[in-house]
N, C-alpha and C. Protein backbone atom coordinates (compact mmCIF):
# COMPACT_ATOMS: atom_id res chain seq x y z
N MET A 1 0.86 -1.18 0.00
CA MET A 1 0.00 0.00 0.00
C MET A 1 0.90 1.24 0.00
N LEU A 2 0.69 2.12 -0.95
CA LEU A 2 1.40 3.40 -1.02
C LEU A 2 0.46 4.51 -0.59
N THR A 3 0.98 5.46 0.18
CA THR A 3 0.16 6.56 0.67
C THR A 3 0.82 7.89 0.37
N ILE A 4 0.02 8.81 -0.14
CA ILE A 4 0.43 10.22 -0.24
C ILE A 4 -0.43 10.94 0.79
N SER A 5 0.21 11.59 1.73
CA SER A 5 -0.51 12.18 2.86
C SER A 5 -0.33 13.69 2.92
N GLY A 6 -1.41 14.38 3.28
CA GLY A 6 -1.33 15.83 3.47
C GLY A 6 -1.24 16.63 2.18
N ILE A 7 -1.90 16.17 1.14
CA ILE A 7 -1.89 16.88 -0.14
C ILE A 7 -2.69 18.18 0.03
N LYS A 8 -2.06 19.30 -0.25
CA LYS A 8 -2.71 20.61 -0.14
C LYS A 8 -3.30 20.99 -1.50
N LEU A 9 -4.59 21.24 -1.50
CA LEU A 9 -5.30 21.56 -2.73
C LEU A 9 -6.14 22.82 -2.53
N TYR A 10 -6.39 23.53 -3.61
CA TYR A 10 -7.18 24.77 -3.54
C TYR A 10 -8.32 24.69 -4.55
N THR A 11 -9.54 24.83 -4.03
CA THR A 11 -10.71 24.74 -4.90
C THR A 11 -11.85 25.57 -4.33
N ASN A 12 -12.82 25.85 -5.17
CA ASN A 12 -14.03 26.52 -4.71
C ASN A 12 -14.94 25.45 -4.14
N ILE A 13 -15.20 25.53 -2.83
CA ILE A 13 -16.00 24.50 -2.17
C ILE A 13 -16.86 25.13 -1.09
N GLY A 14 -18.10 24.68 -1.02
CA GLY A 14 -19.00 25.16 0.02
C GLY A 14 -20.44 25.05 -0.41
N ILE A 15 -21.32 25.05 0.56
CA ILE A 15 -22.74 24.93 0.28
C ILE A 15 -23.29 26.24 -0.28
N SER A 16 -22.89 27.35 0.30
CA SER A 16 -23.42 28.65 -0.16
C SER A 16 -22.54 29.23 -1.27
N GLU A 17 -23.17 30.05 -2.10
CA GLU A 17 -22.42 30.74 -3.15
C GLU A 17 -21.32 31.61 -2.55
N GLU A 18 -21.64 32.24 -1.43
CA GLU A 18 -20.67 33.10 -0.74
C GLU A 18 -19.41 32.31 -0.37
N GLU A 19 -19.62 31.12 0.15
CA GLU A 19 -18.50 30.28 0.57
C GLU A 19 -17.67 29.81 -0.64
N ARG A 20 -18.31 29.65 -1.79
CA ARG A 20 -17.62 29.17 -2.99
C ARG A 20 -16.96 30.28 -3.79
N LYS A 21 -17.12 31.54 -3.38
CA LYS A 21 -16.57 32.66 -4.15
C LYS A 21 -15.05 32.61 -4.26
N GLU A 22 -14.39 32.23 -3.18
CA GLU A 22 -12.93 32.19 -3.17
C GLU A 22 -12.45 30.76 -2.97
N LYS A 23 -11.32 30.46 -3.59
CA LYS A 23 -10.74 29.13 -3.41
C LYS A 23 -10.33 28.95 -1.96
N ARG A 24 -10.59 27.76 -1.46
CA ARG A 24 -10.22 27.40 -0.09
C ARG A 24 -9.25 26.23 -0.13
N GLU A 25 -8.43 26.14 0.89
CA GLU A 25 -7.53 25.00 0.99
C GLU A 25 -8.29 23.80 1.56
N ILE A 26 -8.11 22.66 0.92
CA ILE A 26 -8.55 21.40 1.49
C ILE A 26 -7.35 20.46 1.46
N ASP A 27 -7.40 19.43 2.27
CA ASP A 27 -6.31 18.46 2.34
C ASP A 27 -6.83 17.09 1.93
N ALA A 28 -5.95 16.29 1.35
CA ALA A 28 -6.34 14.94 0.97
C ALA A 28 -5.21 13.96 1.28
N ASP A 29 -5.61 12.73 1.59
CA ASP A 29 -4.70 11.60 1.72
C ASP A 29 -5.22 10.53 0.78
N VAL A 30 -4.31 9.86 0.09
CA VAL A 30 -4.70 8.78 -0.80
C VAL A 30 -3.78 7.60 -0.55
N SER A 31 -4.37 6.43 -0.32
CA SER A 31 -3.61 5.19 -0.18
C SER A 31 -4.07 4.25 -1.28
N ILE A 32 -3.10 3.70 -2.01
CA ILE A 32 -3.43 2.87 -3.16
C ILE A 32 -2.63 1.57 -3.12
N ASP A 33 -3.32 0.47 -3.35
CA ASP A 33 -2.70 -0.84 -3.45
C ASP A 33 -3.05 -1.39 -4.83
N ALA A 34 -2.06 -1.42 -5.70
CA ALA A 34 -2.30 -1.89 -7.07
C ALA A 34 -1.27 -2.96 -7.42
N ASP A 35 -1.62 -3.83 -8.34
CA ASP A 35 -0.70 -4.89 -8.77
C ASP A 35 0.42 -4.34 -9.63
N ASN A 36 0.17 -3.25 -10.33
CA ASN A 36 1.15 -2.66 -11.23
C ASN A 36 1.85 -1.47 -10.58
N PHE A 37 2.95 -1.07 -11.18
CA PHE A 37 3.70 0.10 -10.72
C PHE A 37 2.81 1.34 -10.76
N VAL A 38 2.89 2.14 -9.71
CA VAL A 38 2.12 3.38 -9.65
C VAL A 38 3.10 4.54 -9.49
N ASP A 39 3.10 5.45 -10.44
CA ASP A 39 3.97 6.62 -10.40
C ASP A 39 3.30 7.67 -9.51
N LEU A 40 3.87 7.92 -8.34
CA LEU A 40 3.24 8.83 -7.39
C LEU A 40 3.19 10.27 -7.88
N LYS A 41 4.14 10.67 -8.71
CA LYS A 41 4.08 12.01 -9.32
C LYS A 41 2.84 12.13 -10.20
N GLU A 42 2.57 11.06 -10.94
CA GLU A 42 1.39 11.04 -11.80
C GLU A 42 0.10 11.05 -10.97
N VAL A 43 0.09 10.28 -9.88
CA VAL A 43 -1.07 10.26 -8.99
C VAL A 43 -1.32 11.65 -8.43
N TYR A 44 -0.26 12.30 -7.94
CA TYR A 44 -0.39 13.65 -7.38
C TYR A 44 -0.96 14.62 -8.43
N SER A 45 -0.41 14.59 -9.63
CA SER A 45 -0.88 15.50 -10.69
C SER A 45 -2.34 15.26 -11.03
N LEU A 46 -2.74 13.99 -11.08
CA LEU A 46 -4.12 13.65 -11.38
C LEU A 46 -5.06 14.16 -10.28
N ILE A 47 -4.64 14.00 -9.02
CA ILE A 47 -5.43 14.49 -7.89
C ILE A 47 -5.57 16.00 -7.96
N LYS A 48 -4.45 16.69 -8.16
CA LYS A 48 -4.44 18.15 -8.21
C LYS A 48 -5.32 18.67 -9.35
N ASP A 49 -5.16 18.10 -10.54
CA ASP A 49 -5.95 18.54 -11.70
C ASP A 49 -7.44 18.27 -11.49
N THR A 50 -7.76 17.12 -10.91
CA THR A 50 -9.17 16.75 -10.68
C THR A 50 -9.83 17.70 -9.71
N VAL A 51 -9.17 17.98 -8.60
CA VAL A 51 -9.78 18.81 -7.56
C VAL A 51 -9.76 20.29 -7.94
N GLU A 52 -8.62 20.78 -8.37
CA GLU A 52 -8.50 22.21 -8.61
C GLU A 52 -9.16 22.66 -9.91
N GLY A 53 -9.55 21.71 -10.76
CA GLY A 53 -10.19 22.06 -12.02
C GLY A 53 -11.70 22.17 -11.94
N SER A 54 -12.27 21.97 -10.76
CA SER A 54 -13.73 22.00 -10.60
C SER A 54 -14.11 22.70 -9.31
N ALA A 55 -15.39 23.03 -9.19
CA ALA A 55 -15.95 23.56 -7.95
C ALA A 55 -16.84 22.47 -7.34
N TYR A 56 -16.94 22.47 -6.03
CA TYR A 56 -17.68 21.43 -5.32
C TYR A 56 -18.57 22.05 -4.24
N THR A 57 -19.65 21.37 -3.95
CA THR A 57 -20.53 21.79 -2.86
C THR A 57 -20.09 21.16 -1.55
N LEU A 58 -19.75 19.87 -1.58
CA LEU A 58 -19.43 19.12 -0.37
C LEU A 58 -18.09 18.41 -0.49
N ILE A 59 -17.43 18.17 0.66
CA ILE A 59 -16.19 17.39 0.61
C ILE A 59 -16.48 15.96 0.17
N GLU A 60 -17.70 15.48 0.41
CA GLU A 60 -18.08 14.15 -0.06
C GLU A 60 -18.02 14.08 -1.58
N ASP A 61 -18.39 15.17 -2.25
CA ASP A 61 -18.32 15.23 -3.71
C ASP A 61 -16.87 15.14 -4.19
N VAL A 62 -15.97 15.81 -3.49
CA VAL A 62 -14.55 15.76 -3.83
C VAL A 62 -14.04 14.33 -3.67
N ALA A 63 -14.34 13.71 -2.55
CA ALA A 63 -13.86 12.35 -2.27
C ALA A 63 -14.41 11.36 -3.30
N LYS A 64 -15.69 11.47 -3.64
CA LYS A 64 -16.29 10.57 -4.63
C LYS A 64 -15.64 10.74 -6.00
N ARG A 65 -15.40 11.99 -6.38
CA ARG A 65 -14.78 12.26 -7.69
C ARG A 65 -13.36 11.70 -7.74
N LEU A 66 -12.59 11.93 -6.67
CA LEU A 66 -11.23 11.39 -6.63
C LEU A 66 -11.24 9.87 -6.69
N LEU A 67 -12.10 9.25 -5.92
CA LEU A 67 -12.19 7.79 -5.90
C LEU A 67 -12.50 7.26 -7.30
N SER A 68 -13.47 7.86 -7.95
CA SER A 68 -13.88 7.43 -9.28
C SER A 68 -12.75 7.55 -10.30
N VAL A 69 -12.09 8.70 -10.31
CA VAL A 69 -11.01 8.94 -11.27
C VAL A 69 -9.84 7.98 -11.02
N LEU A 70 -9.44 7.83 -9.76
CA LEU A 70 -8.29 6.97 -9.45
C LEU A 70 -8.59 5.49 -9.71
N VAL A 71 -9.80 5.05 -9.44
CA VAL A 71 -10.18 3.66 -9.74
C VAL A 71 -10.15 3.43 -11.25
N ASP A 72 -10.70 4.38 -12.02
CA ASP A 72 -10.72 4.24 -13.48
C ASP A 72 -9.31 4.15 -14.06
N VAL A 73 -8.40 4.96 -13.55
CA VAL A 73 -7.05 5.02 -14.11
C VAL A 73 -6.17 3.87 -13.63
N TYR A 74 -6.21 3.54 -12.34
CA TYR A 74 -5.23 2.60 -11.77
C TYR A 74 -5.77 1.20 -11.48
N LYS A 75 -7.08 1.01 -11.53
CA LYS A 75 -7.68 -0.31 -11.26
C LYS A 75 -7.06 -0.96 -10.02
N PRO A 76 -7.09 -0.26 -8.88
CA PRO A 76 -6.41 -0.77 -7.69
C PRO A 76 -7.16 -1.93 -7.04
N ASN A 77 -6.43 -2.69 -6.22
CA ASN A 77 -7.05 -3.71 -5.38
C ASN A 77 -7.82 -3.01 -4.26
N THR A 78 -7.16 -2.01 -3.68
CA THR A 78 -7.75 -1.23 -2.60
C THR A 78 -7.34 0.23 -2.78
N LEU A 79 -8.26 1.12 -2.48
CA LEU A 79 -7.98 2.55 -2.56
C LEU A 79 -8.73 3.25 -1.44
N THR A 80 -8.02 4.08 -0.69
CA THR A 80 -8.65 4.88 0.36
C THR A 80 -8.39 6.35 0.04
N VAL A 81 -9.46 7.13 0.07
CA VAL A 81 -9.37 8.57 -0.16
C VAL A 81 -9.94 9.28 1.06
N LYS A 82 -9.16 10.21 1.62
CA LYS A 82 -9.64 11.06 2.71
C LYS A 82 -9.54 12.50 2.25
N VAL A 83 -10.59 13.26 2.49
CA VAL A 83 -10.59 14.69 2.15
C VAL A 83 -11.00 15.46 3.40
N ARG A 84 -10.21 16.49 3.73
CA ARG A 84 -10.47 17.32 4.91
C ARG A 84 -10.65 18.78 4.51
N LYS A 85 -11.58 19.42 5.19
CA LYS A 85 -11.80 20.86 5.01
C LYS A 85 -11.47 21.52 6.35
N PRO A 86 -10.32 22.21 6.43
CA PRO A 86 -9.93 22.87 7.69
C PRO A 86 -10.86 24.04 8.03
N ASN A 87 -11.05 24.25 9.30
CA ASN A 87 -11.82 25.39 9.81
C ASN A 87 -13.15 25.59 9.09
N PRO A 88 -13.99 24.58 9.06
CA PRO A 88 -15.27 24.73 8.35
C PRO A 88 -16.21 25.68 9.08
N PRO A 89 -17.03 26.40 8.34
CA PRO A 89 -17.96 27.35 8.96
C PRO A 89 -19.20 26.62 9.50
N ILE A 90 -19.04 25.95 10.65
CA ILE A 90 -20.16 25.18 11.22
C ILE A 90 -20.65 25.75 12.54
N GLY A 91 -20.24 26.96 12.85
CA GLY A 91 -20.75 27.61 14.05
C GLY A 91 -19.98 27.29 15.32
N GLY A 92 -18.82 26.71 15.17
CA GLY A 92 -17.99 26.39 16.33
C GLY A 92 -16.55 26.19 15.89
N ARG A 93 -15.67 26.02 16.86
CA ARG A 93 -14.25 25.86 16.55
C ARG A 93 -13.92 24.37 16.44
N VAL A 94 -13.54 23.97 15.25
CA VAL A 94 -13.07 22.60 15.01
C VAL A 94 -11.87 22.68 14.07
N ASP A 95 -11.01 21.68 14.14
CA ASP A 95 -9.85 21.66 13.25
C ASP A 95 -10.26 21.43 11.80
N TYR A 96 -11.11 20.43 11.58
CA TYR A 96 -11.53 20.12 10.22
C TYR A 96 -12.71 19.16 10.23
N ILE A 97 -13.36 19.05 9.06
CA ILE A 97 -14.31 17.97 8.83
C ILE A 97 -13.65 17.05 7.80
N GLU A 98 -14.00 15.77 7.83
CA GLU A 98 -13.32 14.81 6.97
C GLU A 98 -14.31 13.80 6.40
N CYS A 99 -14.07 13.42 5.16
CA CYS A 99 -14.82 12.34 4.51
C CYS A 99 -13.80 11.29 4.08
N GLU A 100 -14.07 10.04 4.40
CA GLU A 100 -13.21 8.93 3.99
C GLU A 100 -14.03 7.93 3.19
N LEU A 101 -13.52 7.58 2.01
CA LEU A 101 -14.15 6.56 1.17
C LEU A 101 -13.13 5.46 0.89
N VAL A 102 -13.60 4.23 0.87
CA VAL A 102 -12.73 3.08 0.62
C VAL A 102 -13.30 2.27 -0.53
N TYR A 103 -12.44 1.94 -1.48
CA TYR A 103 -12.81 1.07 -2.59
C TYR A 103 -12.04 -0.23 -2.42
N ARG A 104 -12.74 -1.34 -2.56
CA ARG A 104 -12.10 -2.65 -2.55
C ARG A 104 -12.45 -3.33 -3.87
N GLY A 105 -11.45 -3.65 -4.64
CA GLY A 105 -11.67 -4.20 -5.97
C GLY A 105 -12.51 -5.45 -6.00
N ASP A 106 -12.51 -6.23 -4.92
CA ASP A 106 -13.28 -7.46 -4.91
C ASP A 106 -14.78 -7.20 -4.78
N THR A 107 -15.17 -6.04 -4.26
CA THR A 107 -16.60 -5.74 -4.11
C THR A 107 -17.12 -4.88 -5.26
N LYS A 108 -16.21 -4.21 -5.97
CA LYS A 108 -16.55 -3.33 -7.09
C LYS A 108 -17.42 -2.14 -6.70
N THR A 109 -17.59 -1.92 -5.41
CA THR A 109 -18.40 -0.78 -4.96
C THR A 109 -17.69 -0.08 -3.82
N PRO A 110 -17.59 1.24 -3.86
CA PRO A 110 -16.97 1.95 -2.73
C PRO A 110 -17.86 1.90 -1.50
N ASN A 111 -17.21 1.91 -0.33
CA ASN A 111 -17.95 2.04 0.93
C ASN A 111 -18.24 3.51 1.12
N LEU A 112 -19.49 3.90 0.99
CA LEU A 112 -19.86 5.31 1.12
C LEU A 112 -20.47 5.56 2.46
């Protein structure tokens, strides 16, 4: 299993239009177990292009999109995607909110 941890990404994300006006930093971790060689530079570029090239309403949308793209490209045995939104506007002080999705090739369906 290979992991890229703490990927810093910038995208327009949020439920309200006001929140989506400016790009915000989100963080991602990706762990991939594949039978074939995986070029981590390529994985990083694919993650960055996928996230920063679109706007999202929810971190769940980001995680689902990343999972889908990475499964299509790498056909992994197992893939875990975590997406975090630091300092979310939820009316209190928290470090971040996080969504984690896991794909297992034997089930062909992500755990949502």
